[in-house]
Amino acid sequence: MSQIKIVNLQKSFGDFTAVKNSNLTIYDKEFFVLLGPSGCGKTTTLRMIAGLELPTSGEIFLGKEEVGMLRASERDIAFVFQLFALYPHMNVRNNLSFPLKMQGYKKNDIKTRVEEAAKLLRIDHLLNSNISSLSGGDRQRVALGRALVRRPKAFLMDEPLGTLDAEFRELMCLELKKLHIDIGATTVYVTHDQLEAMSLADRIAVMDGGQILQADEPNIIYNKPKTKFVASFIGSPGMNFIDVNEGISQEQSSISIEDTNFNIPKQFETSKSNKNFFGIRPENLSLTNEGGLKGSVFGVEYLGSRKIITIKTKIGEIKVKTDISINIKLNENVQIKPSNDNIIIFDGETDKSLKSEFMK
């Protein structure tokens, strides 16, 4: 059993609190991603799980064992660093075998484990190669292999693809997911790249300011964000926000903004503020000939079969994702029509979503 659980976990460095009272359960054999911007506390959380940092307060469980104050060497966990952390004076075979030698394994067992890991990672033909002669992708495989040979209860990975170029990163994402399925180990993965997170994760925890804002499956994180930050951070581009400079009652069925009618989702919670936000994904907006929010085209980005149009309106810039066949020009006057079924209301005071039928 390699479930990982953190309870009221907190880490402070002097007056600065990097991780604030975090609670999280990572299930056995799950690929779990900690996602957020630089400085949000994701790496510090990972390092505390690994034993590389001791918590200021709180508990960490690996299975049923509380390990919060154990040294890293006393936890059955393998850590994969961003910068590979390989020994340049050793060849691939010796890099892979090193952790097993330190643990006192017999030579025959080491040979078997190293060759099994190398074959699984498709680097068996490189066992006698020098580390300096390898590409970035192959070095990353060696780093993964060195963790894999130990057969730990859990793998912890701190932005392991961060130094790779886009082509290698996409390839290694597929390799990592396949590897996870093949070995079935619990994996905790840190990244600031939301596309990486969405493609790899069984579940994602979005962090900001040392706090876990939401932990859910990728589709729920995307379609049902619990806070305005999660809605803006997830998505390429993120969610559009339209200011509603008035309170909204549960009895209202619609609201007019700049002569455009927006339907209000049913059964939403009462807002605590006279300033709220309508959140709408770019793909849930379309261009119309009449009855829409008026603006002019400020920018056009091409994304293969789709394109993103940035439109300047009286209430700010709004992004619309459309089919590539839509013919649009810079400075052209257009009107935007929302798909009202996909509007999420965020409280202007708490930044939290006001739950509705759509949010269930």
Protein backbone atom coordinates (compact mmCIF):
# COMPACT_ATOMS: atom_id res chain seq x y z
CA MET A 1 0.00 0.00 0.00
CA SER A 2 1.66 3.28 -1.09
CA GLN A 3 -1.04 5.84 -0.42
CA ILE A 4 0.42 9.20 0.62
CA LYS A 5 -1.46 11.49 2.96
CA ILE A 6 -0.55 14.92 4.29
CA VAL A 7 -2.46 16.38 7.24
CA ASN A 8 -2.33 20.07 8.24
CA LEU A 9 1.12 20.30 6.66
CA GLN A 10 2.94 23.58 7.07
CA LYS A 11 6.45 24.81 6.28
CA SER A 12 7.90 28.16 7.29
CA PHE A 13 11.29 29.71 6.54
CA GLY A 14 11.65 32.43 9.16
CA ASP A 15 8.70 34.79 8.71
CA PHE A 16 7.80 33.34 5.30
CA THR A 17 5.29 30.48 5.14
CA ALA A 18 5.87 28.44 2.00
CA VAL A 19 3.16 25.82 2.61
CA LYS A 20 0.04 26.68 4.59
CA ASN A 21 -1.98 24.07 6.47
CA SER A 22 -2.29 21.67 3.51
CA ASN A 23 -4.39 18.50 3.48
CA LEU A 24 -4.21 15.97 0.66
CA THR A 25 -4.57 12.25 -0.05
CA ILE A 26 -2.71 10.68 -2.99
CA TYR A 27 -4.08 7.23 -3.71
CA ASP A 28 -2.19 4.01 -4.30
CA LYS A 29 -0.96 3.70 -7.93
CA GLU A 30 -2.20 7.20 -8.78
CA PHE A 31 -0.34 9.66 -11.02
CA PHE A 32 -0.81 12.86 -9.05
CA VAL A 33 0.39 16.30 -10.18
CA LEU A 34 1.13 19.34 -8.03
CA LEU A 35 0.58 22.31 -10.35
CA GLY A 36 1.06 26.01 -9.91
CA PRO A 37 3.23 29.06 -10.69
CA SER A 38 6.77 29.54 -9.37
CA GLY A 39 6.82 30.10 -5.62
CA CYS A 40 3.41 28.53 -4.95
CA GLY A 41 4.78 25.85 -2.57
CA LYS A 42 4.55 22.77 -4.81
CA THR A 43 8.26 21.85 -4.71
CA THR A 44 8.46 22.47 -0.96
CA THR A 45 5.50 20.13 -0.49
CA LEU A 46 7.21 17.48 -2.61
CA ARG A 47 10.49 17.86 -0.71
CA MET A 48 8.68 17.39 2.60
CA ILE A 49 7.08 14.18 1.30
CA ALA A 50 10.55 13.03 0.23
CA GLY A 51 12.18 13.93 3.53
CA LEU A 52 14.48 16.56 2.00
CA GLU A 53 12.70 19.21 4.08
CA LEU A 54 11.18 18.68 7.53
CA PRO A 55 7.73 20.18 8.12
CA THR A 56 7.24 23.00 10.62
CA SER A 57 4.03 21.27 11.65
CA GLY A 58 1.62 18.62 10.41
CA GLU A 59 1.88 14.95 9.47
CA ILE A 60 2.95 12.91 6.44
CA PHE A 61 1.80 9.31 6.03
CA LEU A 62 3.28 6.75 3.62
CA GLY A 63 0.78 3.94 3.78
CA LYS A 64 -0.08 3.67 7.48
CA GLU A 65 3.31 4.91 8.68
CA GLU A 66 3.79 8.50 9.81
CA VAL A 67 7.10 9.56 8.24
CA GLY A 68 7.12 13.33 8.72
CA MET A 69 10.25 13.37 10.88
CA LEU A 70 12.11 10.50 9.20
CA ARG A 71 15.19 11.19 7.10
CA ALA A 72 14.93 10.75 3.31
CA SER A 73 17.01 7.55 3.47
CA GLU A 74 14.48 6.04 5.87
CA ARG A 75 11.53 6.49 3.49
CA ASP A 76 10.93 4.02 0.67
CA ILE A 77 10.65 6.78 -1.92
CA ALA A 78 12.63 7.61 -5.08
CA PHE A 79 13.20 11.23 -6.12
CA VAL A 80 13.82 12.38 -9.71
CA PHE A 81 15.31 15.89 -9.93
CA GLN A 82 14.89 18.47 -12.68
CA LEU A 83 18.60 18.54 -13.51
CA PHE A 84 19.02 14.74 -13.70
CA ALA A 85 21.65 14.59 -10.86
CA LEU A 86 23.65 11.90 -12.66
CA TYR A 87 27.30 11.04 -11.99
CA PRO A 88 29.25 12.27 -15.06
CA HIS A 89 32.31 10.09 -14.36
CA MET A 90 30.20 6.89 -14.46
CA ASN A 91 28.67 5.20 -17.49
CA VAL A 92 24.95 4.45 -17.74
CA ARG A 93 25.20 1.00 -16.15
CA ASN A 94 27.10 2.30 -13.13
CA ASN A 95 24.68 5.20 -12.68
CA LEU A 96 21.76 2.79 -12.65
CA SER A 97 23.43 0.33 -10.29
CA PHE A 98 24.79 2.89 -7.81
CA PRO A 99 21.73 3.13 -5.48
CA LEU A 100 21.51 -0.68 -5.31
CA LYS A 101 25.20 -0.97 -4.43
CA MET A 102 24.69 1.56 -1.62
CA GLN A 103 21.86 -0.61 -0.28
CA GLY A 104 24.01 -3.73 -0.30
CA TYR A 105 22.32 -5.74 -3.07
CA LYS A 106 24.11 -8.77 -4.50
CA LYS A 107 25.85 -8.41 -7.89
CA ASN A 108 23.49 -10.78 -9.71
CA ASP A 109 20.42 -8.97 -8.34
CA ILE A 110 21.88 -5.61 -9.35
CA LYS A 111 22.61 -6.84 -12.88
CA THR A 112 19.07 -8.21 -13.25
CA ARG A 113 17.37 -5.05 -11.99
CA VAL A 114 19.55 -2.72 -14.05
CA GLU A 115 18.93 -4.66 -17.26
CA GLU A 116 15.18 -4.88 -16.60
CA ALA A 117 14.94 -1.11 -16.00
CA ALA A 118 17.11 -0.33 -19.04
CA LYS A 119 14.97 -2.52 -21.28
CA LEU A 120 11.75 -0.96 -19.97
CA LEU A 121 13.12 2.53 -20.65
CA ARG A 122 14.65 1.51 -24.00
CA ILE A 123 18.20 2.44 -23.00
CA ASP A 124 19.60 -1.10 -22.83
CA HIS A 125 21.79 -0.34 -25.86
CA LEU A 126 23.35 2.59 -23.93
CA LEU A 127 24.45 0.75 -20.79
CA ASN A 128 28.15 1.15 -21.56
CA SER A 129 27.88 4.74 -22.82
CA ASN A 130 29.26 7.78 -21.05
CA ILE A 131 26.71 10.18 -19.60
CA SER A 132 28.30 13.13 -21.45
CA SER A 133 27.59 11.48 -24.82
CA LEU A 134 23.83 11.19 -24.21
CA SER A 135 21.03 13.46 -25.44
CA GLY A 136 18.80 15.26 -22.93
CA GLY A 137 16.03 12.74 -23.43
CA ASP A 138 18.34 9.76 -22.82
CA ARG A 139 19.81 11.40 -19.70
CA GLN A 140 16.30 11.81 -18.39
CA ARG A 141 15.64 8.11 -19.02
CA VAL A 142 18.77 7.25 -17.05
CA ALA A 143 17.60 9.44 -14.17
CA LEU A 144 14.22 7.67 -14.23
CA GLY A 145 15.96 4.29 -14.44
CA ARG A 146 18.06 5.02 -11.38
CA ALA A 147 14.84 5.63 -9.44
CA LEU A 148 13.10 2.66 -11.01
CA VAL A 149 15.72 0.02 -10.09
CA ARG A 150 14.97 0.54 -6.41
CA ARG A 151 11.29 -0.42 -6.88
CA PRO A 152 10.17 2.09 -4.24
CA LYS A 153 6.71 2.59 -2.82
CA ALA A 154 6.42 5.94 -4.59
CA PHE A 155 8.15 8.09 -7.20
CA LEU A 156 8.51 11.83 -6.62
CA MET A 157 9.42 13.95 -9.64
CA ASP A 158 10.33 17.65 -9.52
CA GLU A 159 9.82 19.13 -13.01
CA PRO A 160 11.85 16.31 -14.63
CA LEU A 161 11.08 17.53 -18.16
CA GLY A 162 11.76 21.21 -17.52
CA THR A 163 15.13 21.29 -19.27
CA LEU A 164 13.99 19.45 -22.42
CA ASP A 165 12.88 21.15 -25.62
CA ALA A 166 9.25 20.98 -26.73
CA GLU A 167 9.64 17.90 -28.97
CA PHE A 168 11.47 15.85 -26.32
CA ARG A 169 9.05 17.02 -23.61
CA GLU A 170 6.02 15.80 -25.57
CA LEU A 171 7.71 12.45 -26.23
CA MET A 172 8.76 12.02 -22.60
CA CYS A 173 5.23 12.82 -21.39
CA LEU A 174 4.00 9.82 -23.35
CA GLU A 175 6.91 7.71 -22.05
CA LEU A 176 6.24 8.70 -18.44
CA LYS A 177 2.54 7.88 -18.67
CA LYS A 178 3.28 4.50 -20.26
CA LEU A 179 5.95 3.79 -17.63
CA HIS A 180 3.50 4.64 -14.86
CA ILE A 181 0.90 2.24 -16.29
CA ASP A 182 3.51 -0.52 -16.73
CA ILE A 183 4.93 -0.39 -13.20
CA GLY A 184 1.79 0.74 -11.34
CA ALA A 185 3.66 2.80 -8.71
CA THR A 186 2.29 5.85 -6.94
CA THR A 187 3.74 8.95 -8.64
CA VAL A 188 3.77 12.54 -7.40
CA TYR A 189 4.86 14.98 -10.10
CA VAL A 190 5.56 18.71 -9.81
CA THR A 191 5.21 21.09 -12.77
CA HIS A 192 4.23 24.66 -13.62
CA ASP A 193 3.16 23.53 -17.12
CA GLN A 194 -0.60 23.00 -17.21
CA LEU A 195 -0.52 21.13 -20.54
CA GLU A 196 1.96 18.66 -19.03
CA ALA A 197 -0.28 18.29 -15.98
CA MET A 198 -3.48 17.79 -17.96
CA SER A 199 -1.92 15.11 -20.18
CA LEU A 200 -0.25 13.13 -17.37
CA ALA A 201 -2.40 13.36 -14.27
CA ASP A 202 -5.10 11.14 -12.84
CA ARG A 203 -5.71 14.06 -10.47
CA ILE A 204 -4.25 17.55 -10.12
CA ALA A 205 -3.79 19.81 -7.11
CA VAL A 206 -3.61 23.46 -8.13
CA MET A 207 -1.56 25.53 -5.67
CA ASP A 208 -1.04 29.24 -5.15
CA GLY A 209 0.42 31.20 -2.26
CA GLY A 210 1.31 28.01 -0.38
CA GLN A 211 -2.27 26.72 -0.44
CA ILE A 212 -4.00 23.88 -2.27
CA LEU A 213 -6.94 25.58 -3.98
CA GLN A 214 -8.45 22.53 -5.68
CA ALA A 215 -7.60 18.85 -6.08
CA ASP A 216 -9.63 17.06 -8.74
CA GLU A 217 -9.53 15.14 -12.00
CA PRO A 218 -8.27 17.23 -14.97
CA ASN A 219 -11.70 17.59 -16.61
CA ILE A 220 -13.24 18.83 -13.35
CA ILE A 221 -10.39 21.28 -12.77
CA TYR A 222 -10.98 22.65 -16.28
CA ASN A 223 -14.77 22.68 -16.41
CA LYS A 224 -15.63 23.30 -12.76
CA PRO A 225 -12.92 25.50 -11.21
CA LYS A 226 -13.58 26.35 -7.57
CA THR A 227 -11.74 29.69 -7.60
CA LYS A 228 -11.02 32.50 -10.00
CA PHE A 229 -7.28 31.72 -9.85
CA VAL A 230 -7.82 28.09 -10.88
CA ALA A 231 -10.07 29.23 -13.74
CA SER A 232 -7.44 31.69 -15.01
CA PHE A 233 -4.42 29.41 -14.55
CA ILE A 234 -5.94 26.37 -16.28
CA GLY A 235 -6.66 26.67 -19.99
CA SER A 236 -4.78 28.04 -22.96
CA PRO A 237 -5.80 30.80 -22.91
CA GLY A 238 -7.39 30.97 -19.47
CA MET A 239 -10.97 31.85 -18.69
CA ASN A 240 -12.38 35.29 -19.57
CA PHE A 241 -13.75 37.34 -16.67
CA ILE A 242 -16.48 39.91 -17.07
CA ASP A 243 -17.06 42.39 -14.22
CA VAL A 244 -20.58 42.48 -12.78
CA ASN A 245 -20.65 45.68 -10.73
CA GLU A 246 -23.76 44.84 -8.74
CA GLY A 247 -25.07 42.20 -6.40
CA ILE A 248 -26.86 39.18 -7.85
CA SER A 249 -29.92 37.68 -6.18
CA GLN A 250 -31.05 34.07 -6.53
CA GLU A 251 -34.34 35.31 -8.03
CA GLN A 252 -32.63 36.88 -11.05
CA SER A 253 -32.70 34.88 -14.29
CA SER A 254 -30.55 37.25 -16.36
CA ILE A 255 -28.46 40.39 -16.27
CA SER A 256 -27.65 42.99 -18.93
CA ILE A 257 -24.03 44.07 -19.47
CA GLU A 258 -23.36 46.67 -22.17
CA ASP A 259 -26.77 45.87 -23.76
CA THR A 260 -25.93 42.14 -23.91
CA ASN A 261 -28.12 39.68 -22.03
CA PHE A 262 -26.40 37.05 -19.86
CA ASN A 263 -28.45 34.25 -18.35
CA ILE A 264 -27.69 33.59 -14.67
CA PRO A 265 -27.17 29.92 -13.76
CA LYS A 266 -29.92 28.56 -11.53
CA GLN A 267 -29.44 27.68 -7.85
CA PHE A 268 -26.21 29.65 -7.46
CA GLU A 269 -25.20 30.67 -3.96
CA THR A 270 -25.85 34.23 -2.88
CA SER A 271 -22.79 36.42 -3.45
CA LYS A 272 -21.25 38.30 -0.54
CA SER A 273 -20.22 41.26 -2.64
CA ASN A 274 -21.66 43.96 -4.87
CA LYS A 275 -18.90 43.18 -7.36
CA ASN A 276 -18.85 39.74 -8.99
CA PHE A 277 -17.42 38.09 -12.07
CA PHE A 278 -18.86 36.03 -14.91
CA GLY A 279 -16.30 33.46 -16.05
CA ILE A 280 -16.53 32.15 -19.62
CA ARG A 281 -14.05 29.94 -21.49
CA PRO A 282 -12.94 31.27 -24.93
CA GLU A 283 -14.49 28.22 -26.66
CA ASN A 284 -17.87 29.04 -25.08
CA LEU A 285 -18.03 32.38 -26.88
CA SER A 286 -18.96 32.87 -30.53
CA LEU A 287 -19.21 35.72 -33.00
CA THR A 288 -22.67 36.97 -33.98
CA ASN A 289 -24.18 39.56 -36.32
CA GLU A 290 -26.51 41.14 -33.77
CA GLY A 291 -27.44 41.15 -30.11
CA GLY A 292 -23.92 40.53 -28.85
CA LEU A 293 -21.27 42.36 -26.87
CA LYS A 294 -19.65 44.89 -29.24
CA GLY A 295 -15.92 45.23 -29.79
CA SER A 296 -13.09 45.34 -32.32
CA VAL A 297 -10.49 42.72 -33.21
CA PHE A 298 -7.18 43.41 -31.48
CA GLY A 299 -5.26 40.22 -32.28
CA VAL A 300 -5.49 36.85 -34.03
CA GLU A 301 -3.44 33.75 -33.05
CA TYR A 302 -3.45 30.65 -35.25
CA LEU A 303 -3.49 27.23 -33.55
CA GLY A 304 -3.79 24.67 -36.34
CA SER A 305 -7.49 23.97 -36.85
CA ARG A 306 -8.48 26.70 -34.37
CA LYS A 307 -7.60 30.32 -33.80
CA ILE A 308 -7.85 32.68 -30.85
CA ILE A 309 -9.29 36.13 -31.49
CA THR A 310 -8.64 38.90 -28.95
CA ILE A 311 -11.40 41.48 -28.96
CA LYS A 312 -11.35 44.90 -27.31
CA THR A 313 -14.67 45.79 -25.67
CA LYS A 314 -15.84 48.51 -23.28
CA ILE A 315 -15.46 46.01 -20.43
CA GLY A 316 -11.95 44.88 -21.35
CA GLU A 317 -10.21 42.42 -23.66
CA ILE A 318 -12.01 39.14 -24.32
CA LYS A 319 -10.60 36.07 -26.07
CA VAL A 320 -12.73 33.91 -28.37
CA LYS A 321 -11.62 30.53 -29.70
CA THR A 322 -13.09 29.86 -33.16
CA ASP A 323 -12.74 27.54 -36.12
CA ILE A 324 -9.87 28.36 -38.48
CA SER A 325 -12.39 28.92 -41.31
CA ILE A 326 -13.84 32.03 -39.64
CA ASN A 327 -12.58 34.97 -41.70
CA ILE A 328 -11.65 37.85 -39.42
CA LYS A 329 -9.36 40.87 -39.78
CA LEU A 330 -7.56 43.19 -37.36
CA ASN A 331 -9.62 46.23 -36.27
CA GLU A 332 -12.81 44.67 -37.64
CA ASN A 333 -15.94 45.45 -35.61
CA VAL A 334 -17.54 42.30 -34.23
CA GLN A 335 -20.09 41.14 -31.66
CA ILE A 336 -19.61 38.38 -29.10
CA LYS A 337 -22.31 35.99 -27.98
CA PRO A 338 -21.87 33.90 -24.80
CA SER A 339 -22.95 30.30 -24.36
CA ASN A 340 -24.93 30.97 -21.21
CA ASP A 341 -25.01 27.32 -20.13
CA ASN A 342 -21.28 27.51 -19.42
CA ILE A 343 -21.09 30.70 -17.38
CA ILE A 344 -19.55 30.39 -13.91
CA ILE A 345 -20.16 33.15 -11.37
CA PHE A 346 -17.30 34.05 -9.02
CA ASP A 347 -17.86 36.00 -5.82
CA GLY A 348 -16.04 39.33 -6.01
CA GLU A 349 -15.03 39.23 -2.36
CA THR A 350 -13.86 35.61 -1.94
CA ASP A 351 -12.99 34.80 -5.60
CA LYS A 352 -14.77 31.46 -5.07
CA SER A 353 -17.30 30.08 -7.56
CA LEU A 354 -20.96 30.29 -6.66
CA LYS A 355 -22.19 26.73 -7.12
CA SER A 356 -25.01 26.12 -9.59
CA GLU A 357 -26.59 23.25 -11.50
CA PHE A 358 -23.67 23.49 -13.92
CA MET A 359 -21.18 23.01 -11.08
CA LYS A 360 -22.65 19.71 -9.87
